[in-house]
Every structure is written in C-alpha cells, then in structure tokens.
Amino acid sequence: FKQQIMASAKSNTVRGYVLFGEGRPLAYLYLPIVEGTVMVYEYMGYDPEFRKLSTGAVLQHLAFQKIFASKCTKYFDFMPGDGTHKALYGNIKATRGDVYFLGPKLANALYVSTHRFTDWAHQRVTGTLERAGVKGLLKKRSRELTIPKPSS
C-alpha cells in the first residue's frame, strides 16, 4: 500500500490530508484520483478521542476548500452508502451496482440464498428498531464504545 501511495504521489493521482491538533494527528483523508477527473473518497479516519470536535468534518471542509480552489479534479465520488456529509456536499446521486454471473451450482445457490436472507433479516431488525425508536440511540451507543488497546 505504501508503494502504491508513493507511486500515486509521483504521478499526481492522489491527495492526502491530515488535521493536526495538540501535537498529534486528529483526522486524515486519502483521496485517489482515477480516470484523470474523478477524486474518490477512499479512506477517512479520525481519533475517536476527539469525536465530539467533529475533526473528520473539519478536515473534510478544509480539504474541499483546497481541492476546489486548485481545480485538480472535475468530480468527487463519495462512494456508495449514506452519510450526512454526502447529503451536505453532494449534488448528484448515481445508482451503482455490481453484477455477478454465477453458474448453476449448489454452492452459488446457497451463497445467493444466504445473502438474500441476511439482507431480509437486516431490514426487519432495522425496521423494528426504528419503529421502537431506539435505532438512533443504539447507533450512538455503539459509536461510544471503546476497544481497549492491548497492553505491551
């Protein structure tokens, strides 16, 4: 990955941004440029300790100022999924999909059936949590969980 980043930097087909505060990195963005005109929202991360400061949103705003002032790309692709940042900054929606051709094998039928069941179950659970009014609370609580770092 490091070699890929270095090669992309040499060919001017990537942008990277880091927001620093209190002498350490608080958030980062990694944005490759593909097909010469499309910047892709590939990786974004932030230090969970500073979540309440919205460091990812701050970095994204500052990065957009530089990106659009430099006119280094024509399009910005947020990639699939939902997010408030996409609603805030996006102005075009595009339908995307992956197409898979699977032969008539039992393993493929099981894979597709399992996928369909998992998707169905996810929609039912999510719908139930929304109707109960607890989905947002559970999402918030799950984000607040911290994973203990291994001791050395």
C-alpha atoms as a PDB file:
ATOM      1  CA  PHE A   1       0.000   0.000   0.000  1.00  0.00           C
ATOM      2  CA  LYS A   2       2.848   2.361   0.860  1.00  0.00           C
ATOM      3  CA  GLN A   3       4.455   1.723  -2.540  1.00  0.00           C
ATOM      4  CA  GLN A   4       1.097   2.388  -4.229  1.00  0.00           C
ATOM      5  CA  ILE A   5       0.739   5.682  -2.360  1.00  0.00           C
ATOM      6  CA  MET A   6       4.258   6.753  -3.303  1.00  0.00           C
ATOM      7  CA  ALA A   7       3.711   5.880  -6.972  1.00  0.00           C
ATOM      8  CA  SER A   8       0.384   7.740  -6.978  1.00  0.00           C
ATOM      9  CA  ALA A   9       2.010  10.778  -5.373  1.00  0.00           C
ATOM     10  CA  LYS A  10       4.743  10.796  -8.044  1.00  0.00           C
ATOM     11  CA  SER A  11       2.125  10.614 -10.802  1.00  0.00           C
ATOM     12  CA  ASN A  12      -0.025  13.300  -9.109  1.00  0.00           C
ATOM     13  CA  THR A  13      -3.028  10.960  -8.841  1.00  0.00           C
ATOM     14  CA  VAL A  14      -3.705  11.155  -5.096  1.00  0.00           C
ATOM     15  CA  ARG A  15      -4.335  13.726  -2.418  1.00  0.00           C
ATOM     16  CA  GLY A  16      -3.882  13.213   1.282  1.00  0.00           C
ATOM     17  CA  TYR A  17      -4.840  15.487   4.137  1.00  0.00           C
ATOM     18  CA  VAL A  18      -4.126  15.298   7.859  1.00  0.00           C
ATOM     19  CA  LEU A  19      -5.592  17.539  10.538  1.00  0.00           C
ATOM     20  CA  PHE A  20      -3.258  18.071  13.464  1.00  0.00           C
ATOM     21  CA  GLY A  21      -4.096  19.359  16.918  1.00  0.00           C
ATOM     22  CA  GLU A  22      -2.442  19.173  20.297  1.00  0.00           C
ATOM     23  CA  GLY A  23       0.715  17.985  18.525  1.00  0.00           C
ATOM     24  CA  ARG A  24      -0.834  14.862  17.014  1.00  0.00           C
ATOM     25  CA  PRO A  25      -2.938  13.757  14.038  1.00  0.00           C
ATOM     26  CA  LEU A  26      -6.679  14.020  14.713  1.00  0.00           C
ATOM     27  CA  ALA A  27      -8.127  13.057  11.314  1.00  0.00           C
ATOM     28  CA  TYR A  28      -6.985  12.027   7.847  1.00  0.00           C
ATOM     29  CA  LEU A  29      -8.324  11.780   4.278  1.00  0.00           C
ATOM     30  CA  TYR A  30      -6.892   9.657   1.462  1.00  0.00           C
ATOM     31  CA  LEU A  31      -8.294  10.616  -1.943  1.00  0.00           C
ATOM     32  CA  PRO A  32      -7.010   8.915  -5.102  1.00  0.00           C
ATOM     33  CA  ILE A  33      -7.787  10.462  -8.487  1.00  0.00           C
ATOM     34  CA  VAL A  34      -8.992   7.972 -11.079  1.00  0.00           C
ATOM     35  CA  GLU A  35      -9.652   8.338 -14.780  1.00  0.00           C
ATOM     36  CA  GLY A  36      -7.944  11.726 -14.592  1.00  0.00           C
ATOM     37  CA  THR A  37     -11.033  13.610 -13.421  1.00  0.00           C
ATOM     38  CA  VAL A  38     -12.624  11.733 -10.500  1.00  0.00           C
ATOM     39  CA  MET A  39     -11.405  12.107  -6.926  1.00  0.00           C
ATOM     40  CA  VAL A  40     -12.531   9.169  -4.791  1.00  0.00           C
ATOM     41  CA  TYR A  41     -13.400   9.332  -1.077  1.00  0.00           C
ATOM     42  CA  GLU A  42     -11.364   6.211  -0.363  1.00  0.00           C
ATOM     43  CA  TYR A  43     -10.298   6.457   3.277  1.00  0.00           C
ATOM     44  CA  MET A  44     -11.218   8.784   6.110  1.00  0.00           C
ATOM     45  CA  GLY A  45     -10.415   8.308   9.742  1.00  0.00           C
ATOM     46  CA  TYR A  46     -10.246  10.216  12.971  1.00  0.00           C
ATOM     47  CA  ASP A  47      -9.115   9.813  16.538  1.00  0.00           C
ATOM     48  CA  PRO A  48     -12.221   8.722  18.496  1.00  0.00           C
ATOM     49  CA  GLU A  49     -10.982  10.682  21.497  1.00  0.00           C
ATOM     50  CA  PHE A  50     -11.799  13.872  19.560  1.00  0.00           C
ATOM     51  CA  ARG A  51     -15.116  12.709  18.088  1.00  0.00           C
ATOM     52  CA  LYS A  52     -17.104  15.487  19.771  1.00  0.00           C
ATOM     53  CA  LEU A  53     -14.975  18.080  17.956  1.00  0.00           C
ATOM     54  CA  SER A  54     -16.050  16.624  14.568  1.00  0.00           C
ATOM     55  CA  THR A  55     -12.438  16.516  13.402  1.00  0.00           C
ATOM     56  CA  GLY A  56     -13.350  14.478  10.322  1.00  0.00           C
ATOM     57  CA  ALA A  57     -15.912  17.077   9.248  1.00  0.00           C
ATOM     58  CA  VAL A  58     -13.466  19.921   9.886  1.00  0.00           C
ATOM     59  CA  LEU A  59     -10.766  18.220   7.822  1.00  0.00           C
ATOM     60  CA  GLN A  60     -13.194  17.426   5.026  1.00  0.00           C
ATOM     61  CA  HIS A  61     -14.321  21.057   4.832  1.00  0.00           C
ATOM     62  CA  LEU A  62     -10.732  22.343   4.758  1.00  0.00           C
ATOM     63  CA  ALA A  63      -9.732  19.726   2.174  1.00  0.00           C
ATOM     64  CA  PHE A  64     -12.672  20.670  -0.068  1.00  0.00           C
ATOM     65  CA  GLN A  65     -11.593  24.307   0.036  1.00  0.00           C
ATOM     66  CA  LYS A  66      -8.153  23.334  -1.271  1.00  0.00           C
ATOM     67  CA  ILE A  67      -9.433  20.745  -3.767  1.00  0.00           C
ATOM     68  CA  PHE A  68     -11.962  23.021  -5.429  1.00  0.00           C
ATOM     69  CA  ALA A  69      -9.639  26.041  -5.423  1.00  0.00           C
ATOM     70  CA  SER A  70      -6.931  24.002  -7.171  1.00  0.00           C
ATOM     71  CA  LYS A  71      -9.337  22.537  -9.762  1.00  0.00           C
ATOM     72  CA  CYS A  72      -7.278  19.332  -9.692  1.00  0.00           C
ATOM     73  CA  THR A  73     -10.373  17.221 -10.359  1.00  0.00           C
ATOM     74  CA  LYS A  74     -13.730  17.572 -12.063  1.00  0.00           C
ATOM     75  CA  TYR A  75     -15.778  15.184  -9.917  1.00  0.00           C
ATOM     76  CA  PHE A  76     -15.743  13.999  -6.322  1.00  0.00           C
ATOM     77  CA  ASP A  77     -17.074  10.474  -5.746  1.00  0.00           C
ATOM     78  CA  PHE A  78     -18.256   9.826  -2.183  1.00  0.00           C
ATOM     79  CA  MET A  79     -18.689   6.122  -2.999  1.00  0.00           C
ATOM     80  CA  PRO A  80     -21.795   4.095  -2.041  1.00  0.00           C
ATOM     81  CA  GLY A  81     -23.587   4.447   1.258  1.00  0.00           C
ATOM     82  CA  ASP A  82     -25.388   7.046   3.272  1.00  0.00           C
ATOM     83  CA  GLY A  83     -23.937   9.822   5.339  1.00  0.00           C
ATOM     84  CA  THR A  84     -24.769  13.339   6.399  1.00  0.00           C
ATOM     85  CA  HIS A  85     -21.576  14.594   4.743  1.00  0.00           C
ATOM     86  CA  LYS A  86     -22.798  13.189   1.421  1.00  0.00           C
ATOM     87  CA  ALA A  87     -26.139  14.950   1.772  1.00  0.00           C
ATOM     88  CA  LEU A  88     -24.375  18.170   2.752  1.00  0.00           C
ATOM     89  CA  TYR A  89     -21.756  18.279  -0.008  1.00  0.00           C
ATOM     90  CA  GLY A  90     -23.213  16.095  -2.745  1.00  0.00           C
ATOM     91  CA  ASN A  91     -25.244  17.447  -5.625  1.00  0.00           C
ATOM     92  CA  ILE A  92     -25.674  14.389  -7.863  1.00  0.00           C
ATOM     93  CA  LYS A  93     -26.891  10.910  -6.985  1.00  0.00           C
ATOM     94  CA  ALA A  94     -25.932   7.978  -9.139  1.00  0.00           C
ATOM     95  CA  THR A  95     -27.212   4.438  -8.920  1.00  0.00           C
ATOM     96  CA  ARG A  96     -24.434   1.890  -8.759  1.00  0.00           C
ATOM     97  CA  GLY A  97     -24.358  -1.836  -8.679  1.00  0.00           C
ATOM     98  CA  ASP A  98     -22.168  -4.846  -9.019  1.00  0.00           C
ATOM     99  CA  VAL A  99     -23.168  -7.614 -11.380  1.00  0.00           C
ATOM    100  CA  TYR A 100     -22.107 -11.183 -10.738  1.00  0.00           C
ATOM    101  CA  PHE A 101     -22.623 -14.058 -13.125  1.00  0.00           C
ATOM    102  CA  LEU A 102     -22.857 -17.292 -11.189  1.00  0.00           C
ATOM    103  CA  GLY A 103     -23.072 -20.702 -12.753  1.00  0.00           C
ATOM    104  CA  PRO A 104     -25.832 -23.168 -11.824  1.00  0.00           C
ATOM    105  CA  LYS A 105     -24.037 -24.771  -8.873  1.00  0.00           C
ATOM    106  CA  LEU A 106     -25.375 -25.646  -5.447  1.00  0.00           C
ATOM    107  CA  ALA A 107     -22.685 -23.537  -3.749  1.00  0.00           C
ATOM    108  CA  ASN A 108     -23.775 -20.479  -5.760  1.00  0.00           C
ATOM    109  CA  ALA A 109     -27.442 -21.065  -4.933  1.00  0.00           C
ATOM    110  CA  LEU A 110     -26.553 -21.313  -1.232  1.00  0.00           C
ATOM    111  CA  TYR A 111     -24.487 -18.137  -1.432  1.00  0.00           C
ATOM    112  CA  VAL A 112     -27.309 -16.173  -3.075  1.00  0.00           C
ATOM    113  CA  SER A 113     -29.927 -17.578  -0.674  1.00  0.00           C
ATOM    114  CA  THR A 114     -27.784 -16.742   2.352  1.00  0.00           C
ATOM    115  CA  HIS A 115     -27.191 -13.233   1.049  1.00  0.00           C
ATOM    116  CA  ARG A 116     -30.910 -12.668   0.429  1.00  0.00           C
ATOM    117  CA  PHE A 117     -31.822 -13.996   3.882  1.00  0.00           C
ATOM    118  CA  THR A 118     -29.192 -11.832   5.592  1.00  0.00           C
ATOM    119  CA  ASP A 119     -30.421  -8.751   3.730  1.00  0.00           C
ATOM    120  CA  TRP A 120     -34.053  -9.576   4.604  1.00  0.00           C
ATOM    121  CA  ALA A 121     -33.168 -10.117   8.295  1.00  0.00           C
ATOM    122  CA  HIS A 122     -31.185  -6.861   8.418  1.00  0.00           C
ATOM    123  CA  GLN A 123     -34.118  -4.897   7.001  1.00  0.00           C
ATOM    124  CA  ARG A 124     -36.529  -6.466   9.507  1.00  0.00           C
ATOM    125  CA  VAL A 125     -34.282  -5.812  12.513  1.00  0.00           C
ATOM    126  CA  THR A 126     -33.530  -2.257  11.393  1.00  0.00           C
ATOM    127  CA  GLY A 127     -37.211  -1.555  10.762  1.00  0.00           C
ATOM    128  CA  THR A 128     -38.174  -2.939  14.167  1.00  0.00           C
ATOM    129  CA  LEU A 129     -35.545  -0.803  15.921  1.00  0.00           C
ATOM    130  CA  GLU A 130     -36.696   2.299  14.016  1.00  0.00           C
ATOM    131  CA  ARG A 131     -40.352   1.708  14.908  1.00  0.00           C
ATOM    132  CA  ALA A 132     -39.364   1.188  18.541  1.00  0.00           C
ATOM    133  CA  GLY A 133     -37.479   4.489  18.415  1.00  0.00           C
ATOM    134  CA  VAL A 134     -34.191   3.011  19.597  1.00  0.00           C
ATOM    135  CA  LYS A 135     -32.156   2.670  16.403  1.00  0.00           C
ATOM    136  CA  GLY A 136     -30.521   6.115  16.726  1.00  0.00           C
ATOM    137  CA  LEU A 137     -29.732   5.538  20.387  1.00  0.00           C
ATOM    138  CA  LEU A 138     -28.156   2.141  19.684  1.00  0.00           C
ATOM    139  CA  LYS A 139     -26.058   3.624  16.866  1.00  0.00           C
ATOM    140  CA  LYS A 140     -24.893   6.412  19.147  1.00  0.00           C
ATOM    141  CA  ARG A 141     -24.031   3.986  21.949  1.00  0.00           C
ATOM    142  CA  SER A 142     -22.131   1.665  19.606  1.00  0.00           C
ATOM    143  CA  ARG A 143     -20.011   4.618  18.425  1.00  0.00           C
ATOM    144  CA  GLU A 144     -19.189   5.480  22.022  1.00  0.00           C
ATOM    145  CA  LEU A 145     -17.797   2.035  22.730  1.00  0.00           C
ATOM    146  CA  THR A 146     -14.039   1.988  23.002  1.00  0.00           C
ATOM    147  CA  ILE A 147     -11.964  -1.031  22.283  1.00  0.00           C
ATOM    148  CA  PRO A 148      -9.204  -1.414  24.868  1.00  0.00           C
ATOM    149  CA  LYS A 149      -5.715  -1.239  23.424  1.00  0.00           C
ATOM    150  CA  PRO A 150      -3.601  -4.323  24.047  1.00  0.00           C
ATOM    151  CA  SER A 151      -1.049  -3.877  26.785  1.00  0.00           C
ATOM    152  CA  SER A 152       2.560  -4.367  25.831  1.00  0.00           C
END
